[in-house]
Amino acid sequence: VAQAALGATLEVLTLDDPEPIELKRGTQNGEIIRLKGRGAPRLRGGGRGDMVVHFNVVVPTHLNDDQKKLLRELADSFGTPVDDDKGLLHKLRGTVKGA
């Protein structure tokens, strides 16, 4: 998440050698980068195809207390505060009468 938000240089394994790629700031899940000429050889000659890199931004599922605190502060700075360990079901119960 931090690398996708802030940008980073990552190493991608290609068919030949690892190649560094620049992950731009604000990269979203599912974005694609095309590495021209780094894919599989064409069947009838004529060079190589492109290698396509799909980004899968992974949100951590287990956070320690310090990490939770930092993420809450980040959410507050965006103006989107979060409730402590209360999921959607808890919020819905508060809005439905008799729940």
PDB file of N, CA and C in Angstrom:
ATOM      1  N   VAL A   1       0.828  -1.186   0.000  1.00  0.00           N
ATOM      2  CA  VAL A   1       0.000   0.000   0.000  1.00  0.00           C
ATOM      3  C   VAL A   1       0.875   1.254   0.000  1.00  0.00           C
ATOM      4  N   ALA A   2       1.902   1.263   0.828  1.00  0.00           N
ATOM      5  CA  ALA A   2       2.772   2.435   0.906  1.00  0.00           C
ATOM      6  C   ALA A   2       3.502   2.664  -0.414  1.00  0.00           C
ATOM      7  N   GLN A   3       3.995   1.593  -1.036  1.00  0.00           N
ATOM      8  CA  GLN A   3       4.705   1.738  -2.311  1.00  0.00           C
ATOM      9  C   GLN A   3       3.769   2.246  -3.390  1.00  0.00           C
ATOM     10  N   ALA A   4       2.535   1.761  -3.412  1.00  0.00           N
ATOM     11  CA  ALA A   4       1.567   2.211  -4.416  1.00  0.00           C
ATOM     12  C   ALA A   4       1.215   3.683  -4.195  1.00  0.00           C
ATOM     13  N   ALA A   5       1.084   4.098  -2.950  1.00  0.00           N
ATOM     14  CA  ALA A   5       0.710   5.478  -2.656  1.00  0.00           C
ATOM     15  C   ALA A   5       1.858   6.455  -2.896  1.00  0.00           C
ATOM     16  N   LEU A   6       3.066   6.070  -2.516  1.00  0.00           N
ATOM     17  CA  LEU A   6       4.200   6.994  -2.553  1.00  0.00           C
ATOM     18  C   LEU A   6       5.093   6.839  -3.775  1.00  0.00           C
ATOM     19  N   GLY A   7       4.969   5.712  -4.473  1.00  0.00           N
ATOM     20  CA  GLY A   7       5.849   5.427  -5.601  1.00  0.00           C
ATOM     21  C   GLY A   7       7.071   4.667  -5.130  1.00  0.00           C
ATOM     22  N   ALA A   8       7.640   3.861  -6.024  1.00  0.00           N
ATOM     23  CA  ALA A   8       8.804   3.060  -5.661  1.00  0.00           C
ATOM     24  C   ALA A   8       9.438   2.498  -6.926  1.00  0.00           C
ATOM     25  N   THR A   9      10.663   2.033  -6.788  1.00  0.00           N
ATOM     26  CA  THR A   9      11.307   1.283  -7.848  1.00  0.00           C
ATOM     27  C   THR A   9      11.231  -0.187  -7.459  1.00  0.00           C
ATOM     28  N   LEU A  10      10.621  -0.998  -8.329  1.00  0.00           N
ATOM     29  CA  LEU A  10      10.456  -2.423  -8.060  1.00  0.00           C
ATOM     30  C   LEU A  10      11.231  -3.222  -9.088  1.00  0.00           C
ATOM     31  N   GLU A  11      11.575  -4.445  -8.737  1.00  0.00           N
ATOM     32  CA  GLU A  11      12.262  -5.328  -9.669  1.00  0.00           C
ATOM     33  C   GLU A  11      11.266  -6.385 -10.140  1.00  0.00           C
ATOM     34  N   VAL A  12      11.127  -6.523 -11.455  1.00  0.00           N
ATOM     35  CA  VAL A  12      10.197  -7.467 -12.057  1.00  0.00           C
ATOM     36  C   VAL A  12      11.005  -8.560 -12.745  1.00  0.00           C
ATOM     37  N   LEU A  13      10.611  -9.812 -12.529  1.00  0.00           N
ATOM     38  CA  LEU A  13      11.283 -10.918 -13.199  1.00  0.00           C
ATOM     39  C   LEU A  13      10.752 -11.018 -14.621  1.00  0.00           C
ATOM     40  N   THR A  14      11.653 -10.918 -15.593  1.00  0.00           N
ATOM     41  CA  THR A  14      11.282 -11.086 -16.995  1.00  0.00           C
ATOM     42  C   THR A  14      11.784 -12.452 -17.448  1.00  0.00           C
ATOM     43  N   LEU A  15      11.567 -12.785 -18.714  1.00  0.00           N
ATOM     44  CA  LEU A  15      12.034 -14.063 -19.238  1.00  0.00           C
ATOM     45  C   LEU A  15      13.553 -14.152 -19.249  1.00  0.00           C
ATOM     46  N   ASP A  16      14.235 -13.036 -19.290  1.00  0.00           N
ATOM     47  CA  ASP A  16      15.698 -13.022 -19.330  1.00  0.00           C
ATOM     48  C   ASP A  16      16.298 -12.695 -17.967  1.00  0.00           C
ATOM     49  N   ASP A  17      16.166 -11.466 -17.568  1.00  0.00           N
ATOM     50  CA  ASP A  17      16.782 -10.979 -16.336  1.00  0.00           C
ATOM     51  C   ASP A  17      15.774 -10.129 -15.574  1.00  0.00           C
ATOM     52  N   PRO A  18      16.004  -9.949 -14.274  1.00  0.00           N
ATOM     53  CA  PRO A  18      15.162  -9.002 -13.540  1.00  0.00           C
ATOM     54  C   PRO A  18      15.335  -7.601 -14.123  1.00  0.00           C
ATOM     55  N   GLU A  19      14.252  -6.840 -14.139  1.00  0.00           N
ATOM     56  CA  GLU A  19      14.307  -5.488 -14.685  1.00  0.00           C
ATOM     57  C   GLU A  19      13.638  -4.519 -13.710  1.00  0.00           C
ATOM     58  N   PRO A  20      14.312  -3.399 -13.387  1.00  0.00           N
ATOM     59  CA  PRO A  20      13.680  -2.415 -12.506  1.00  0.00           C
ATOM     60  C   PRO A  20      12.581  -1.653 -13.252  1.00  0.00           C
ATOM     61  N   ILE A  21      11.477  -1.412 -12.561  1.00  0.00           N
ATOM     62  CA  ILE A  21      10.409  -0.591 -13.123  1.00  0.00           C
ATOM     63  C   ILE A  21      10.023   0.459 -12.091  1.00  0.00           C
ATOM     64  N   GLU A  22       9.556   1.589 -12.578  1.00  0.00           N
ATOM     65  CA  GLU A  22       9.128   2.669 -11.692  1.00  0.00           C
ATOM     66  C   GLU A  22       7.634   2.540 -11.436  1.00  0.00           C
ATOM     67  N   LEU A  23       7.273   2.417 -10.178  1.00  0.00           N
ATOM     68  CA  LEU A  23       5.871   2.414  -9.757  1.00  0.00           C
ATOM     69  C   LEU A  23       5.534   3.863  -9.435  1.00  0.00           C
ATOM     70  N   LYS A  24       4.635   4.472 -10.217  1.00  0.00           N
ATOM     71  CA  LYS A  24       4.352   5.883 -10.021  1.00  0.00           C
ATOM     72  C   LYS A  24       3.475   6.100  -8.783  1.00  0.00           C
ATOM     73  N   ARG A  25       3.540   7.296  -8.238  1.00  0.00           N
ATOM     74  CA  ARG A  25       2.714   7.649  -7.082  1.00  0.00           C
ATOM     75  C   ARG A  25       1.239   7.493  -7.422  1.00  0.00           C
ATOM     76  N   GLY A  26       0.492   6.946  -6.475  1.00  0.00           N
ATOM     77  CA  GLY A  26      -0.943   6.817  -6.657  1.00  0.00           C
ATOM     78  C   GLY A  26      -1.362   5.647  -7.527  1.00  0.00           C
ATOM     79  N   THR A  27      -0.482   4.662  -7.710  1.00  0.00           N
ATOM     80  CA  THR A  27      -0.833   3.488  -8.508  1.00  0.00           C
ATOM     81  C   THR A  27      -2.013   2.767  -7.867  1.00  0.00           C
ATOM     82  N   GLN A  28      -2.989   2.437  -8.693  1.00  0.00           N
ATOM     83  CA  GLN A  28      -4.207   1.779  -8.216  1.00  0.00           C
ATOM     84  C   GLN A  28      -4.157   0.284  -8.520  1.00  0.00           C
ATOM     85  N   ASN A  29      -4.918  -0.477  -7.750  1.00  0.00           N
ATOM     86  CA  ASN A  29      -5.036  -1.911  -7.986  1.00  0.00           C
ATOM     87  C   ASN A  29      -5.538  -2.152  -9.411  1.00  0.00           C
ATOM     88  N   GLY A  30      -4.909  -3.079 -10.120  1.00  0.00           N
ATOM     89  CA  GLY A  30      -5.328  -3.409 -11.469  1.00  0.00           C
ATOM     90  C   GLY A  30      -4.652  -2.615 -12.569  1.00  0.00           C
ATOM     91  N   GLU A  31      -3.840  -1.619 -12.218  1.00  0.00           N
ATOM     92  CA  GLU A  31      -3.138  -0.862 -13.263  1.00  0.00           C
ATOM     93  C   GLU A  31      -2.124  -1.760 -13.959  1.00  0.00           C
ATOM     94  N   ILE A  32      -1.768  -1.381 -15.181  1.00  0.00           N
ATOM     95  CA  ILE A  32      -0.914  -2.200 -16.028  1.00  0.00           C
ATOM     96  C   ILE A  32       0.252  -1.370 -16.557  1.00  0.00           C
ATOM     97  N   ILE A  33       1.436  -1.994 -16.616  1.00  0.00           N
ATOM     98  CA  ILE A  33       2.600  -1.421 -17.287  1.00  0.00           C
ATOM     99  C   ILE A  33       3.018  -2.426 -18.361  1.00  0.00           C
ATOM    100  N   ARG A  34       3.341  -1.925 -19.540  1.00  0.00           N
ATOM    101  CA  ARG A  34       3.772  -2.768 -20.652  1.00  0.00           C
ATOM    102  C   ARG A  34       5.275  -2.580 -20.849  1.00  0.00           C
ATOM    103  N   LEU A  35       6.021  -3.692 -20.812  1.00  0.00           N
ATOM    104  CA  LEU A  35       7.458  -3.664 -21.054  1.00  0.00           C
ATOM    105  C   LEU A  35       7.690  -4.112 -22.496  1.00  0.00           C
ATOM    106  N   LYS A  36       7.936  -3.157 -23.350  1.00  0.00           N
ATOM    107  CA  LYS A  36       8.062  -3.424 -24.788  1.00  0.00           C
ATOM    108  C   LYS A  36       9.256  -4.331 -25.094  1.00  0.00           C
ATOM    109  N   GLY A  37       8.994  -5.387 -25.887  1.00  0.00           N
ATOM    110  CA  GLY A  37      10.046  -6.285 -26.333  1.00  0.00           C
ATOM    111  C   GLY A  37      10.601  -7.209 -25.273  1.00  0.00           C
ATOM    112  N   ARG A  38       9.963  -7.282 -24.098  1.00  0.00           N
ATOM    113  CA  ARG A  38      10.475  -8.122 -23.003  1.00  0.00           C
ATOM    114  C   ARG A  38       9.669  -9.403 -22.827  1.00  0.00           C
ATOM    115  N   GLY A  39       8.684  -9.657 -23.703  1.00  0.00           N
ATOM    116  CA  GLY A  39       7.847 -10.843 -23.609  1.00  0.00           C
ATOM    117  C   GLY A  39       8.410 -12.019 -24.383  1.00  0.00           C
ATOM    118  N   ALA A  40       7.524 -12.952 -24.743  1.00  0.00           N
ATOM    119  CA  ALA A  40       7.915 -14.176 -25.443  1.00  0.00           C
ATOM    120  C   ALA A  40       8.285 -13.871 -26.894  1.00  0.00           C
ATOM    121  N   PRO A  41       9.194 -14.685 -27.454  1.00  0.00           N
ATOM    122  CA  PRO A  41       9.540 -14.515 -28.870  1.00  0.00           C
ATOM    123  C   PRO A  41       8.324 -14.800 -29.757  1.00  0.00           C
ATOM    124  N   ARG A  42       8.223 -14.076 -30.861  1.00  0.00           N
ATOM    125  CA  ARG A  42       7.130 -14.310 -31.813  1.00  0.00           C
ATOM    126  C   ARG A  42       7.385 -15.633 -32.531  1.00  0.00           C
ATOM    127  N   LEU A  43       6.320 -16.375 -32.824  1.00  0.00           N
ATOM    128  CA  LEU A  43       6.442 -17.698 -33.421  1.00  0.00           C
ATOM    129  C   LEU A  43       7.122 -17.681 -34.790  1.00  0.00           C
ATOM    130  N   ARG A  44       6.846 -16.709 -35.585  1.00  0.00           N
ATOM    131  CA  ARG A  44       7.404 -16.644 -36.942  1.00  0.00           C
ATOM    132  C   ARG A  44       8.524 -15.600 -37.048  1.00  0.00           C
ATOM    133  N   GLY A  45       9.241 -15.430 -35.988  1.00  0.00           N
ATOM    134  CA  GLY A  45      10.330 -14.459 -35.995  1.00  0.00           C
ATOM    135  C   GLY A  45       9.804 -13.049 -35.820  1.00  0.00           C
ATOM    136  N   GLY A  46      10.616 -12.099 -36.080  1.00  0.00           N
ATOM    137  CA  GLY A  46      10.179 -10.711 -35.980  1.00  0.00           C
ATOM    138  C   GLY A  46      10.256 -10.127 -34.588  1.00  0.00           C
ATOM    139  N   GLY A  47      11.158 -10.650 -33.767  1.00  0.00           N
ATOM    140  CA  GLY A  47      11.349 -10.046 -32.451  1.00  0.00           C
ATOM    141  C   GLY A  47      10.536 -10.714 -31.354  1.00  0.00           C
ATOM    142  N   ARG A  48      10.247  -9.935 -30.357  1.00  0.00           N
ATOM    143  CA  ARG A  48       9.549 -10.437 -29.172  1.00  0.00           C
ATOM    144  C   ARG A  48       8.331  -9.585 -28.898  1.00  0.00           C
ATOM    145  N   GLY A  49       7.392 -10.190 -28.221  1.00  0.00           N
ATOM    146  CA  GLY A  49       6.206  -9.462 -27.798  1.00  0.00           C
ATOM    147  C   GLY A  49       6.487  -8.644 -26.548  1.00  0.00           C
ATOM    148  N   ASP A  50       5.452  -8.011 -26.058  1.00  0.00           N
ATOM    149  CA  ASP A  50       5.575  -7.198 -24.843  1.00  0.00           C
ATOM    150  C   ASP A  50       5.242  -8.035 -23.619  1.00  0.00           C
ATOM    151  N   MET A  51       5.838  -7.676 -22.507  1.00  0.00           N
ATOM    152  CA  MET A  51       5.484  -8.275 -21.222  1.00  0.00           C
ATOM    153  C   MET A  51       4.541  -7.298 -20.530  1.00  0.00           C
ATOM    154  N   VAL A  52       3.441  -7.814 -20.013  1.00  0.00           N
ATOM    155  CA  VAL A  52       2.453  -6.970 -19.352  1.00  0.00           C
ATOM    156  C   VAL A  52       2.518  -7.237 -17.852  1.00  0.00           C
ATOM    157  N   VAL A  53       2.680  -6.175 -17.070  1.00  0.00           N
ATOM    158  CA  VAL A  53       2.760  -6.282 -15.611  1.00  0.00           C
ATOM    159  C   VAL A  53       1.472  -5.710 -15.032  1.00  0.00           C
ATOM    160  N   HIS A  54       0.723  -6.542 -14.305  1.00  0.00           N
ATOM    161  CA  HIS A  54      -0.509  -6.112 -13.629  1.00  0.00           C
ATOM    162  C   HIS A  54      -0.175  -5.858 -12.160  1.00  0.00           C
ATOM    163  N   PHE A  55      -0.636  -4.737 -11.630  1.00  0.00           N
ATOM    164  CA  PHE A  55      -0.377  -4.424 -10.228  1.00  0.00           C
ATOM    165  C   PHE A  55      -1.540  -4.881  -9.364  1.00  0.00           C
ATOM    166  N   ASN A  56      -1.188  -5.606  -8.315  1.00  0.00           N
ATOM    167  CA  ASN A  56      -2.156  -6.087  -7.347  1.00  0.00           C
ATOM    168  C   ASN A  56      -1.791  -5.451  -6.013  1.00  0.00           C
ATOM    169  N   VAL A  57      -2.476  -4.376  -5.650  1.00  0.00           N
ATOM    170  CA  VAL A  57      -2.194  -3.668  -4.403  1.00  0.00           C
ATOM    171  C   VAL A  57      -2.847  -4.455  -3.271  1.00  0.00           C
ATOM    172  N   VAL A  58      -2.034  -4.934  -2.339  1.00  0.00           N
ATOM    173  CA  VAL A  58      -2.505  -5.792  -1.261  1.00  0.00           C
ATOM    174  C   VAL A  58      -2.644  -4.971   0.020  1.00  0.00           C
ATOM    175  N   VAL A  59      -3.829  -5.028   0.609  1.00  0.00           N
ATOM    176  CA  VAL A  59      -4.086  -4.341   1.872  1.00  0.00           C
ATOM    177  C   VAL A  59      -3.776  -5.312   3.005  1.00  0.00           C
ATOM    178  N   PRO A  60      -2.949  -4.918   3.952  1.00  0.00           N
ATOM    179  CA  PRO A  60      -2.600  -5.840   5.043  1.00  0.00           C
ATOM    180  C   PRO A  60      -3.811  -6.189   5.893  1.00  0.00           C
ATOM    181  N   THR A  61      -3.856  -7.449   6.331  1.00  0.00           N
ATOM    182  CA  THR A  61      -4.992  -7.905   7.147  1.00  0.00           C
ATOM    183  C   THR A  61      -4.663  -7.980   8.629  1.00  0.00           C
ATOM    184  N   HIS A  62      -3.404  -8.079   8.970  1.00  0.00           N
ATOM    185  CA  HIS A  62      -2.996  -8.148  10.377  1.00  0.00           C
ATOM    186  C   HIS A  62      -2.059  -6.984  10.662  1.00  0.00           C
ATOM    187  N   LEU A  63      -2.508  -6.080  11.523  1.00  0.00           N
ATOM    188  CA  LEU A  63      -1.726  -4.903  11.867  1.00  0.00           C
ATOM    189  C   LEU A  63      -1.444  -4.890  13.363  1.00  0.00           C
ATOM    190  N   ASN A  64      -0.269  -4.412  13.738  1.00  0.00           N
ATOM    191  CA  ASN A  64       0.000  -4.244  15.170  1.00  0.00           C
ATOM    192  C   ASN A  64      -0.594  -2.905  15.612  1.00  0.00           C
ATOM    193  N   ASP A  65      -0.542  -2.633  16.893  1.00  0.00           N
ATOM    194  CA  ASP A  65      -1.172  -1.420  17.435  1.00  0.00           C
ATOM    195  C   ASP A  65      -0.582  -0.143  16.852  1.00  0.00           C
ATOM    196  N   ASP A  66       0.744  -0.098  16.670  1.00  0.00           N
ATOM    197  CA  ASP A  66       1.378   1.093  16.097  1.00  0.00           C
ATOM    198  C   ASP A  66       0.919   1.329  14.662  1.00  0.00           C
ATOM    199  N   GLN A  67       0.812   0.262  13.870  1.00  0.00           N
ATOM    200  CA  GLN A  67       0.372   0.384  12.482  1.00  0.00           C
ATOM    201  C   GLN A  67      -1.078   0.860  12.411  1.00  0.00           C
ATOM    202  N   LYS A  68      -1.921   0.330  13.299  1.00  0.00           N
ATOM    203  CA  LYS A  68      -3.330   0.767  13.344  1.00  0.00           C
ATOM    204  C   LYS A  68      -3.412   2.250  13.681  1.00  0.00           C
ATOM    205  N   LYS A  69      -2.602   2.681  14.644  1.00  0.00           N
ATOM    206  CA  LYS A  69      -2.610   4.092  15.048  1.00  0.00           C
ATOM    207  C   LYS A  69      -2.203   4.983  13.877  1.00  0.00           C
ATOM    208  N   LEU A  70      -1.156   4.592  13.164  1.00  0.00           N
ATOM    209  CA  LEU A  70      -0.697   5.390  12.026  1.00  0.00           C
ATOM    210  C   LEU A  70      -1.756   5.458  10.918  1.00  0.00           C
ATOM    211  N   LEU A  71      -2.415   4.351  10.647  1.00  0.00           N
ATOM    212  CA  LEU A  71      -3.459   4.359   9.620  1.00  0.00           C
ATOM    213  C   LEU A  71      -4.661   5.202  10.042  1.00  0.00           C
ATOM    214  N   ARG A  72      -5.007   5.177  11.328  1.00  0.00           N
ATOM    215  CA  ARG A  72      -6.099   6.042  11.817  1.00  0.00           C
ATOM    216  C   ARG A  72      -5.739   7.512  11.645  1.00  0.00           C
ATOM    217  N   GLU A  73      -4.476   7.860  11.960  1.00  0.00           N
ATOM    218  CA  GLU A  73      -4.028   9.243  11.788  1.00  0.00           C
ATOM    219  C   GLU A  73      -4.069   9.639  10.314  1.00  0.00           C
ATOM    220  N   LEU A  74      -3.682   8.731   9.423  1.00  0.00           N
ATOM    221  CA  LEU A  74      -3.747   9.003   7.996  1.00  0.00           C
ATOM    222  C   LEU A  74      -5.194   9.223   7.558  1.00  0.00           C
ATOM    223  N   ALA A  75      -6.098   8.358   8.010  1.00  0.00           N
ATOM    224  CA  ALA A  75      -7.516   8.504   7.662  1.00  0.00           C
ATOM    225  C   ALA A  75      -8.058   9.837   8.175  1.00  0.00           C
ATOM    226  N   ASP A  76      -7.705  10.205   9.397  1.00  0.00           N
ATOM    227  CA  ASP A  76      -8.142  11.490   9.954  1.00  0.00           C
ATOM    228  C   ASP A  76      -7.633  12.658   9.113  1.00  0.00           C
ATOM    229  N   SER A  77      -6.384  12.562   8.631  1.00  0.00           N
ATOM    230  CA  SER A  77      -5.816  13.650   7.833  1.00  0.00           C
ATOM    231  C   SER A  77      -6.543  13.802   6.492  1.00  0.00           C
ATOM    232  N   PHE A  78      -7.147  12.707   6.004  1.00  0.00           N
ATOM    233  CA  PHE A  78      -7.945  12.761   4.777  1.00  0.00           C
ATOM    234  C   PHE A  78      -9.379  13.201   5.058  1.00  0.00           C
ATOM    235  N   GLY A  79      -9.727  13.340   6.334  1.00  0.00           N
ATOM    236  CA  GLY A  79     -11.097  13.699   6.685  1.00  0.00           C
ATOM    237  C   GLY A  79     -12.050  12.515   6.636  1.00  0.00           C
ATOM    238  N   THR A  80     -11.509  11.311   6.739  1.00  0.00           N
ATOM    239  CA  THR A  80     -12.325  10.096   6.732  1.00  0.00           C
ATOM    240  C   THR A  80     -11.981   9.252   7.956  1.00  0.00           C
ATOM    241  N   PRO A  81     -12.358   9.728   9.151  1.00  0.00           N
ATOM    242  CA  PRO A  81     -12.021   8.976  10.359  1.00  0.00           C
ATOM    243  C   PRO A  81     -12.690   7.607  10.357  1.00  0.00           C
ATOM    244  N   VAL A  82     -12.069   6.660  11.049  1.00  0.00           N
ATOM    245  CA  VAL A  82     -12.596   5.295  11.139  1.00  0.00           C
ATOM    246  C   VAL A  82     -12.932   4.981  12.583  1.00  0.00           C
ATOM    247  N   ASP A  83     -13.918   4.103  12.758  1.00  0.00           N
ATOM    248  CA  ASP A  83     -14.266   3.630  14.102  1.00  0.00           C
ATOM    249  C   ASP A  83     -13.303   2.527  14.504  1.00  0.00           C
ATOM    250  N   ASP A  84     -12.989   2.444  15.769  1.00  0.00           N
ATOM    251  CA  ASP A  84     -12.077   1.409  16.248  1.00  0.00           C
ATOM    252  C   ASP A  84     -12.721   0.036  16.179  1.00  0.00           C
ATOM    253  N   ASP A  85     -12.149  -0.823  15.325  1.00  0.00           N
ATOM    254  CA  ASP A  85     -12.542  -2.229  15.231  1.00  0.00           C
ATOM    255  C   ASP A  85     -14.041  -2.446  15.119  1.00  0.00           C
ATOM    256  N   LYS A  86     -14.759  -1.551  14.466  1.00  0.00           N
ATOM    257  CA  LYS A  86     -16.190  -1.714  14.245  1.00  0.00           C
ATOM    258  C   LYS A  86     -16.431  -1.839  12.760  1.00  0.00           C
ATOM    259  N   GLY A  87     -16.994  -2.940  12.364  1.00  0.00           N
ATOM    260  CA  GLY A  87     -17.236  -3.192  10.960  1.00  0.00           C
ATOM    261  C   GLY A  87     -18.550  -2.625  10.478  1.00  0.00           C
ATOM    262  N   LEU A  88     -18.868  -2.911   9.230  1.00  0.00           N
ATOM    263  CA  LEU A  88     -20.076  -2.424   8.590  1.00  0.00           C
ATOM    264  C   LEU A  88     -21.329  -2.922   9.297  1.00  0.00           C
ATOM    265  N   LEU A  89     -21.346  -4.194   9.711  1.00  0.00           N
ATOM    266  CA  LEU A  89     -22.524  -4.759  10.362  1.00  0.00           C
ATOM    267  C   LEU A  89     -22.860  -3.992  11.637  1.00  0.00           C
ATOM    268  N   HIS A  90     -21.820  -3.639  12.406  1.00  0.00           N
ATOM    269  CA  HIS A  90     -22.044  -2.868  13.640  1.00  0.00           C
ATOM    270  C   HIS A  90     -22.667  -1.514  13.323  1.00  0.00           C
ATOM    271  N   LYS A  91     -22.198  -0.867  12.277  1.00  0.00           N
ATOM    272  CA  LYS A  91     -22.737   0.438  11.898  1.00  0.00           C
ATOM    273  C   LYS A  91     -24.185   0.306  11.428  1.00  0.00           C
ATOM    274  N   LEU A  92     -24.482  -0.725  10.684  1.00  0.00           N
ATOM    275  CA  LEU A  92     -25.844  -0.931  10.195  1.00  0.00           C
ATOM    276  C   LEU A  92     -26.811  -1.209  11.334  1.00  0.00           C
ATOM    277  N   ARG A  93     -26.378  -1.952  12.329  1.00  0.00           N
ATOM    278  CA  ARG A  93     -27.249  -2.264  13.468  1.00  0.00           C
ATOM    279  C   ARG A  93     -27.692  -0.992  14.187  1.00  0.00           C
ATOM    280  N   GLY A  94     -26.816  -0.007  14.193  1.00  0.00           N
ATOM    281  CA  GLY A  94     -27.156   1.252  14.853  1.00  0.00           C
ATOM    282  C   GLY A  94     -28.173   2.073  14.069  1.00  0.00           C
ATOM    283  N   THR A  95     -28.328   1.803  12.781  1.00  0.00           N
ATOM    284  CA  THR A  95     -29.252   2.588  11.976  1.00  0.00           C
ATOM    285  C   THR A  95     -30.582   1.884  11.737  1.00  0.00           C
ATOM    286  N   VAL A  96     -30.654   0.580  12.059  1.00  0.00           N
ATOM    287  CA  VAL A  96     -31.886  -0.188  11.848  1.00  0.00           C
ATOM    288  C   VAL A  96     -32.621  -0.309  13.174  1.00  0.00           C
ATOM    289  N   LYS A  97     -33.901   0.084  13.200  1.00  0.00           N
ATOM    290  CA  LYS A  97     -34.679   0.019  14.431  1.00  0.00           C
ATOM    291  C   LYS A  97     -34.924  -1.437  14.799  1.00  0.00           C
ATOM    292  N   GLY A  98     -34.783  -1.724  16.079  1.00  0.00           N
ATOM    293  CA  GLY A  98     -35.036  -3.057  16.589  1.00  0.00           C
ATOM    294  C   GLY A  98     -33.844  -3.999  16.454  1.00  0.00           C
ATOM    295  N   ALA A  99     -32.743  -3.512  15.934  1.00  0.00           N
ATOM    296  CA  ALA A  99     -31.582  -4.390  15.756  1.00  0.00           C
ATOM    297  C   ALA A  99     -30.735  -4.375  17.007  1.00  0.00           C
TER     298      ALA A  99
END
